[in-house]
PDB file of all heavy atoms in Angstrom:
ATOM      1  N   GLU A   1      -7.635  -4.507  -4.457  1.00  0.00           N
ATOM      2  CA  GLU A   1      -6.412  -4.431  -5.248  1.00  0.00           C
ATOM      3  C   GLU A   1      -5.417  -5.508  -4.812  1.00  0.00           C
ATOM      4  O   GLU A   1      -5.444  -5.970  -3.678  1.00  0.00           O
ATOM      5  CB  GLU A   1      -5.766  -3.054  -5.074  1.00  0.00           C
ATOM      6  CG  GLU A   1      -6.642  -1.913  -5.558  1.00  0.00           C
ATOM      7  CD  GLU A   1      -6.085  -0.572  -5.150  1.00  0.00           C
ATOM      8  OE1 GLU A   1      -5.009  -0.207  -5.653  1.00  0.00           O
ATOM      9  OE2 GLU A   1      -6.726   0.092  -4.326  1.00  0.00           O
ATOM     10  N   ASP A   2      -4.521  -5.873  -5.721  1.00  0.00           N
ATOM     11  CA  ASP A   2      -3.483  -6.844  -5.420  1.00  0.00           C
ATOM     12  C   ASP A   2      -2.446  -6.175  -4.530  1.00  0.00           C
ATOM     13  O   ASP A   2      -1.888  -5.137  -4.874  1.00  0.00           O
ATOM     14  CB  ASP A   2      -2.849  -7.341  -6.728  1.00  0.00           C
ATOM     15  CG  ASP A   2      -1.905  -8.486  -6.505  1.00  0.00           C
ATOM     16  OD1 ASP A   2      -2.146  -9.298  -5.584  1.00  0.00           O
ATOM     17  OD2 ASP A   2      -0.905  -8.577  -7.243  1.00  0.00           O
ATOM     18  N   ILE A   3      -2.185  -6.762  -3.384  1.00  0.00           N
ATOM     19  CA  ILE A   3      -1.226  -6.208  -2.436  1.00  0.00           C
ATOM     20  C   ILE A   3       0.125  -6.874  -2.681  1.00  0.00           C
ATOM     21  O   ILE A   3       0.247  -8.091  -2.603  1.00  0.00           O
ATOM     22  CB  ILE A   3      -1.674  -6.464  -0.971  1.00  0.00           C
ATOM     23  CG1 ILE A   3      -3.081  -5.938  -0.732  1.00  0.00           C
ATOM     24  CG2 ILE A   3      -0.670  -5.875   0.008  1.00  0.00           C
ATOM     25  CD1 ILE A   3      -3.261  -4.456  -0.899  1.00  0.00           C
ATOM     26  N   THR A   4       1.114  -6.065  -2.981  1.00  0.00           N
ATOM     27  CA  THR A   4       2.471  -6.560  -3.169  1.00  0.00           C
ATOM     28  C   THR A   4       3.393  -5.744  -2.275  1.00  0.00           C
ATOM     29  O   THR A   4       3.042  -4.655  -1.824  1.00  0.00           O
ATOM     30  CB  THR A   4       2.928  -6.418  -4.634  1.00  0.00           C
ATOM     31  OG1 THR A   4       2.838  -5.039  -5.012  1.00  0.00           O
ATOM     32  CG2 THR A   4       2.083  -7.263  -5.564  1.00  0.00           C
ATOM     33  N   SER A   5       4.570  -6.259  -2.039  1.00  0.00           N
ATOM     34  CA  SER A   5       5.524  -5.515  -1.230  1.00  0.00           C
ATOM     35  C   SER A   5       5.926  -4.249  -1.984  1.00  0.00           C
ATOM     36  O   SER A   5       6.315  -4.313  -3.149  1.00  0.00           O
ATOM     37  CB  SER A   5       6.756  -6.368  -0.947  1.00  0.00           C
ATOM     38  OG  SER A   5       7.653  -5.649  -0.138  1.00  0.00           O
ATOM     39  N   PRO A   6       5.821  -3.103  -1.346  1.00  0.00           N
ATOM     40  CA  PRO A   6       6.131  -1.839  -2.031  1.00  0.00           C
ATOM     41  C   PRO A   6       7.620  -1.514  -2.046  1.00  0.00           C
ATOM     42  O   PRO A   6       8.027  -0.365  -1.907  1.00  0.00           O
ATOM     43  CB  PRO A   6       5.336  -0.815  -1.215  1.00  0.00           C
ATOM     44  CG  PRO A   6       5.254  -1.403   0.142  1.00  0.00           C
ATOM     45  CD  PRO A   6       5.241  -2.900  -0.034  1.00  0.00           C
ATOM     46  N   THR A   7       8.471  -2.527  -2.239  1.00  0.00           N
ATOM     47  CA  THR A   7       9.913  -2.361  -2.154  1.00  0.00           C
ATOM     48  C   THR A   7      10.426  -1.211  -3.006  1.00  0.00           C
ATOM     49  O   THR A   7      11.217  -0.399  -2.545  1.00  0.00           O
ATOM     50  CB  THR A   7      10.622  -3.672  -2.568  1.00  0.00           C
ATOM     51  OG1 THR A   7      10.149  -4.710  -1.716  1.00  0.00           O
ATOM     52  CG2 THR A   7      12.120  -3.550  -2.425  1.00  0.00           C
ATOM     53  N   PHE A   8       9.983  -1.124  -4.242  1.00  0.00           N
ATOM     54  CA  PHE A   8      10.515  -0.090  -5.125  1.00  0.00           C
ATOM     55  C   PHE A   8       9.706   1.198  -5.054  1.00  0.00           C
ATOM     56  O   PHE A   8      10.202   2.262  -5.370  1.00  0.00           O
ATOM     57  CB  PHE A   8      10.608  -0.615  -6.560  1.00  0.00           C
ATOM     58  CG  PHE A   8      11.575  -1.757  -6.666  1.00  0.00           C
ATOM     59  CD1 PHE A   8      11.130  -3.057  -6.775  1.00  0.00           C
ATOM     60  CD2 PHE A   8      12.940  -1.521  -6.607  1.00  0.00           C
ATOM     61  CE1 PHE A   8      12.023  -4.113  -6.841  1.00  0.00           C
ATOM     62  CE2 PHE A   8      13.846  -2.576  -6.668  1.00  0.00           C
ATOM     63  CZ  PHE A   8      13.388  -3.869  -6.788  1.00  0.00           C
ATOM     64  N   ASN A   9       8.454   1.115  -4.645  1.00  0.00           N
ATOM     65  CA  ASN A   9       7.607   2.305  -4.514  1.00  0.00           C
ATOM     66  C   ASN A   9       7.784   2.964  -3.157  1.00  0.00           C
ATOM     67  O   ASN A   9       7.462   4.121  -2.987  1.00  0.00           O
ATOM     68  CB  ASN A   9       6.130   1.927  -4.658  1.00  0.00           C
ATOM     69  CG  ASN A   9       5.830   1.281  -5.978  1.00  0.00           C
ATOM     70  OD1 ASN A   9       6.435   0.300  -6.339  1.00  0.00           O
ATOM     71  ND2 ASN A   9       4.875   1.830  -6.689  1.00  0.00           N
ATOM     72  N   ILE A  10       8.214   2.233  -2.176  1.00  0.00           N
ATOM     73  CA  ILE A  10       8.364   2.612  -0.774  1.00  0.00           C
ATOM     74  C   ILE A  10       7.007   2.725  -0.085  1.00  0.00           C
ATOM     75  O   ILE A  10       6.791   2.123   0.948  1.00  0.00           O
ATOM     76  CB  ILE A  10       9.213   3.889  -0.570  1.00  0.00           C
ATOM     77  CG1 ILE A  10      10.604   3.650  -1.169  1.00  0.00           C
ATOM     78  CG2 ILE A  10       9.319   4.234   0.904  1.00  0.00           C
ATOM     79  CD1 ILE A  10      11.441   4.888  -1.287  1.00  0.00           C
ATOM     80  N   ILE A  11       6.071   3.503  -0.648  1.00  0.00           N
ATOM     81  CA  ILE A  11       4.744   3.655  -0.031  1.00  0.00           C
ATOM     82  C   ILE A  11       3.673   3.399  -1.085  1.00  0.00           C
ATOM     83  O   ILE A  11       3.709   3.991  -2.162  1.00  0.00           O
ATOM     84  CB  ILE A  11       4.551   5.067   0.554  1.00  0.00           C
ATOM     85  CG1 ILE A  11       5.619   5.383   1.600  1.00  0.00           C
ATOM     86  CG2 ILE A  11       3.145   5.208   1.145  1.00  0.00           C
ATOM     87  CD1 ILE A  11       5.644   6.818   2.061  1.00  0.00           C
ATOM     88  N   LYS A  12       2.742   2.509  -0.767  1.00  0.00           N
ATOM     89  CA  LYS A  12       1.562   2.298  -1.614  1.00  0.00           C
ATOM     90  C   LYS A  12       0.339   2.677  -0.801  1.00  0.00           C
ATOM     91  O   LYS A  12       0.209   2.288   0.363  1.00  0.00           O
ATOM     92  CB  LYS A  12       1.457   0.840  -2.061  1.00  0.00           C
ATOM     93  CG  LYS A  12       2.469   0.455  -3.118  1.00  0.00           C
ATOM     94  CD  LYS A  12       2.167  -0.929  -3.668  1.00  0.00           C
ATOM     95  CE  LYS A  12       3.129  -1.297  -4.767  1.00  0.00           C
ATOM     96  NZ  LYS A  12       2.884  -2.648  -5.267  1.00  0.00           N
ATOM     97  N   GLU A  13      -0.534   3.438  -1.418  1.00  0.00           N
ATOM     98  CA  GLU A  13      -1.769   3.862  -0.760  1.00  0.00           C
ATOM     99  C   GLU A  13      -2.944   3.124  -1.380  1.00  0.00           C
ATOM    100  O   GLU A  13      -3.098   3.106  -2.591  1.00  0.00           O
ATOM    101  CB  GLU A  13      -1.964   5.376  -0.914  1.00  0.00           C
ATOM    102  CG  GLU A  13      -0.876   6.189  -0.253  1.00  0.00           C
ATOM    103  CD  GLU A  13      -1.129   7.685  -0.332  1.00  0.00           C
ATOM    104  OE1 GLU A  13      -2.284   8.106  -0.594  1.00  0.00           O
ATOM    105  OE2 GLU A  13      -0.167   8.445  -0.124  1.00  0.00           O
ATOM    106  N   TYR A  14      -3.765   2.519  -0.523  1.00  0.00           N
ATOM    107  CA  TYR A  14      -4.969   1.829  -0.956  1.00  0.00           C
ATOM    108  C   TYR A  14      -6.146   2.517  -0.274  1.00  0.00           C
ATOM    109  O   TYR A  14      -6.223   2.541   0.954  1.00  0.00           O
ATOM    110  CB  TYR A  14      -4.913   0.349  -0.556  1.00  0.00           C
ATOM    111  CG  TYR A  14      -3.715  -0.381  -1.111  1.00  0.00           C
ATOM    112  CD1 TYR A  14      -2.540  -0.500  -0.365  1.00  0.00           C
ATOM    113  CD2 TYR A  14      -3.748  -0.930  -2.385  1.00  0.00           C
ATOM    114  CE1 TYR A  14      -1.441  -1.170  -0.882  1.00  0.00           C
ATOM    115  CE2 TYR A  14      -2.648  -1.602  -2.903  1.00  0.00           C
ATOM    116  CZ  TYR A  14      -1.499  -1.717  -2.142  1.00  0.00           C
ATOM    117  OH  TYR A  14      -0.409  -2.367  -2.653  1.00  0.00           O
ATOM    118  N   THR A  15      -7.048   3.069  -1.055  1.00  0.00           N
ATOM    119  CA  THR A  15      -8.131   3.868  -0.474  1.00  0.00           C
ATOM    120  C   THR A  15      -9.521   3.288  -0.752  1.00  0.00           C
ATOM    121  O   THR A  15     -10.518   3.952  -0.496  1.00  0.00           O
ATOM    122  CB  THR A  15      -8.058   5.316  -1.008  1.00  0.00           C
ATOM    123  OG1 THR A  15      -8.125   5.281  -2.431  1.00  0.00           O
ATOM    124  CG2 THR A  15      -6.779   6.002  -0.567  1.00  0.00           C
ATOM    125  N   THR A  16      -9.583   2.055  -1.251  1.00  0.00           N
ATOM    126  CA  THR A  16     -10.877   1.486  -1.620  1.00  0.00           C
ATOM    127  C   THR A  16     -11.530   0.660  -0.517  1.00  0.00           C
ATOM    128  O   THR A  16     -12.639   0.184  -0.687  1.00  0.00           O
ATOM    129  CB  THR A  16     -10.726   0.592  -2.871  1.00  0.00           C
ATOM    130  OG1 THR A  16      -9.795  -0.454  -2.559  1.00  0.00           O
ATOM    131  CG2 THR A  16     -10.245   1.392  -4.064  1.00  0.00           C
ATOM    132  N   GLY A  17     -10.863   0.487   0.619  1.00  0.00           N
ATOM    133  CA  GLY A  17     -11.402  -0.348   1.686  1.00  0.00           C
ATOM    134  C   GLY A  17     -12.144   0.439   2.741  1.00  0.00           C
ATOM    135  O   GLY A  17     -12.454   1.620   2.571  1.00  0.00           O
ATOM    136  N   GLU A  18     -12.434  -0.228   3.845  1.00  0.00           N
ATOM    137  CA  GLU A  18     -13.153   0.392   4.961  1.00  0.00           C
ATOM    138  C   GLU A  18     -12.413   1.610   5.495  1.00  0.00           C
ATOM    139  O   GLU A  18     -13.036   2.590   5.909  1.00  0.00           O
ATOM    140  CB  GLU A  18     -13.327  -0.617   6.096  1.00  0.00           C
ATOM    141  CG  GLU A  18     -14.214  -1.785   5.761  1.00  0.00           C
ATOM    142  CD  GLU A  18     -14.227  -2.795   6.899  1.00  0.00           C
ATOM    143  OE1 GLU A  18     -14.302  -2.391   8.074  1.00  0.00           O
ATOM    144  OE2 GLU A  18     -14.151  -3.995   6.611  1.00  0.00           O
ATOM    145  N   LEU A  19     -11.106   1.530   5.544  1.00  0.00           N
ATOM    146  CA  LEU A  19     -10.230   2.641   5.924  1.00  0.00           C
ATOM    147  C   LEU A  19      -9.073   2.650   4.936  1.00  0.00           C
ATOM    148  O   LEU A  19      -8.722   1.612   4.377  1.00  0.00           O
ATOM    149  CB  LEU A  19      -9.666   2.447   7.342  1.00  0.00           C
ATOM    150  CG  LEU A  19     -10.590   2.658   8.529  1.00  0.00           C
ATOM    151  CD1 LEU A  19      -9.897   2.239   9.820  1.00  0.00           C
ATOM    152  CD2 LEU A  19     -11.019   4.110   8.622  1.00  0.00           C
ATOM    153  N   PRO A  20      -8.436   3.789   4.712  1.00  0.00           N
ATOM    154  CA  PRO A  20      -7.255   3.803   3.848  1.00  0.00           C
ATOM    155  C   PRO A  20      -6.138   2.950   4.469  1.00  0.00           C
ATOM    156  O   PRO A  20      -6.003   2.891   5.693  1.00  0.00           O
ATOM    157  CB  PRO A  20      -6.837   5.275   3.819  1.00  0.00           C
ATOM    158  CG  PRO A  20      -8.034   6.042   4.260  1.00  0.00           C
ATOM    159  CD  PRO A  20      -8.789   5.132   5.187  1.00  0.00           C
ATOM    160  N   LEU A  21      -5.378   2.298   3.612  1.00  0.00           N
ATOM    161  CA  LEU A  21      -4.223   1.515   4.048  1.00  0.00           C
ATOM    162  C   LEU A  21      -2.984   2.118   3.407  1.00  0.00           C
ATOM    163  O   LEU A  21      -2.933   2.292   2.185  1.00  0.00           O
ATOM    164  CB  LEU A  21      -4.367   0.049   3.640  1.00  0.00           C
ATOM    165  CG  LEU A  21      -3.149  -0.845   3.921  1.00  0.00           C
ATOM    166  CD1 LEU A  21      -2.875  -0.940   5.422  1.00  0.00           C
ATOM    167  CD2 LEU A  21      -3.347  -2.233   3.322  1.00  0.00           C
ATOM    168  N   TYR A  22      -2.006   2.431   4.231  1.00  0.00           N
ATOM    169  CA  TYR A  22      -0.723   2.954   3.765  1.00  0.00           C
ATOM    170  C   TYR A  22       0.311   1.873   4.058  1.00  0.00           C
ATOM    171  O   TYR A  22       0.663   1.630   5.207  1.00  0.00           O
ATOM    172  CB  TYR A  22      -0.383   4.269   4.475  1.00  0.00           C
ATOM    173  CG  TYR A  22      -1.525   5.251   4.415  1.00  0.00           C
ATOM    174  CD1 TYR A  22      -2.212   5.629   5.557  1.00  0.00           C
ATOM    175  CD2 TYR A  22      -1.950   5.763   3.192  1.00  0.00           C
ATOM    176  CE1 TYR A  22      -3.279   6.515   5.501  1.00  0.00           C
ATOM    177  CE2 TYR A  22      -3.028   6.646   3.126  1.00  0.00           C
ATOM    178  CZ  TYR A  22      -3.681   7.011   4.289  1.00  0.00           C
ATOM    179  OH  TYR A  22      -4.745   7.879   4.223  1.00  0.00           O
ATOM    180  N   HIS A  23       0.744   1.204   2.992  1.00  0.00           N
ATOM    181  CA  HIS A  23       1.644   0.068   3.104  1.00  0.00           C
ATOM    182  C   HIS A  23       3.040   0.525   2.696  1.00  0.00           C
ATOM    183  O   HIS A  23       3.245   0.970   1.574  1.00  0.00           O
ATOM    184  CB  HIS A  23       1.136  -1.056   2.192  1.00  0.00           C
ATOM    185  CG  HIS A  23       1.909  -2.327   2.287  1.00  0.00           C
ATOM    186  ND1 HIS A  23       1.869  -3.273   1.284  1.00  0.00           N
ATOM    187  CD2 HIS A  23       2.734  -2.832   3.233  1.00  0.00           C
ATOM    188  CE1 HIS A  23       2.627  -4.292   1.629  1.00  0.00           C
ATOM    189  NE2 HIS A  23       3.163  -4.044   2.808  1.00  0.00           N
ATOM    190  N   MET A  24       3.988   0.416   3.615  1.00  0.00           N
ATOM    191  CA  MET A  24       5.336   0.911   3.376  1.00  0.00           C
ATOM    192  C   MET A  24       6.353  -0.208   3.473  1.00  0.00           C
ATOM    193  O   MET A  24       6.204  -1.122   4.278  1.00  0.00           O
ATOM    194  CB  MET A  24       5.698   1.975   4.414  1.00  0.00           C
ATOM    195  CG  MET A  24       4.733   3.118   4.472  1.00  0.00           C
ATOM    196  SD  MET A  24       5.211   4.268   5.780  1.00  0.00           S
ATOM    197  CE  MET A  24       3.812   5.385   5.701  1.00  0.00           C
ATOM    198  N   ASP A  25       7.393  -0.100   2.663  1.00  0.00           N
ATOM    199  CA  ASP A  25       8.542  -0.987   2.753  1.00  0.00           C
ATOM    200  C   ASP A  25       9.764  -0.075   2.771  1.00  0.00           C
ATOM    201  O   ASP A  25      10.107   0.533   1.761  1.00  0.00           O
ATOM    202  CB  ASP A  25       8.591  -1.943   1.562  1.00  0.00           C
ATOM    203  CG  ASP A  25       9.743  -2.936   1.656  1.00  0.00           C
ATOM    204  OD1 ASP A  25      10.803  -2.576   2.188  1.00  0.00           O
ATOM    205  OD2 ASP A  25       9.587  -4.069   1.175  1.00  0.00           O
ATOM    206  N   VAL A  26      10.401   0.031   3.924  1.00  0.00           N
ATOM    207  CA  VAL A  26      11.500   0.984   4.093  1.00  0.00           C
ATOM    208  C   VAL A  26      12.870   0.315   4.037  1.00  0.00           C
ATOM    209  O   VAL A  26      13.877   0.921   4.399  1.00  0.00           O
ATOM    210  CB  VAL A  26      11.323   1.797   5.406  1.00  0.00           C
ATOM    211  CG1 VAL A  26      10.046   2.636   5.330  1.00  0.00           C
ATOM    212  CG2 VAL A  26      11.294   0.900   6.622  1.00  0.00           C
TER     213      VAL A  26
END
């Protein structure tokens, strides 16, 4: 998936990789 800064979402969850990635912008 395209990774963008989650500024407005705060938390984006990506679960398609080797491990889940929880990308946060606080």
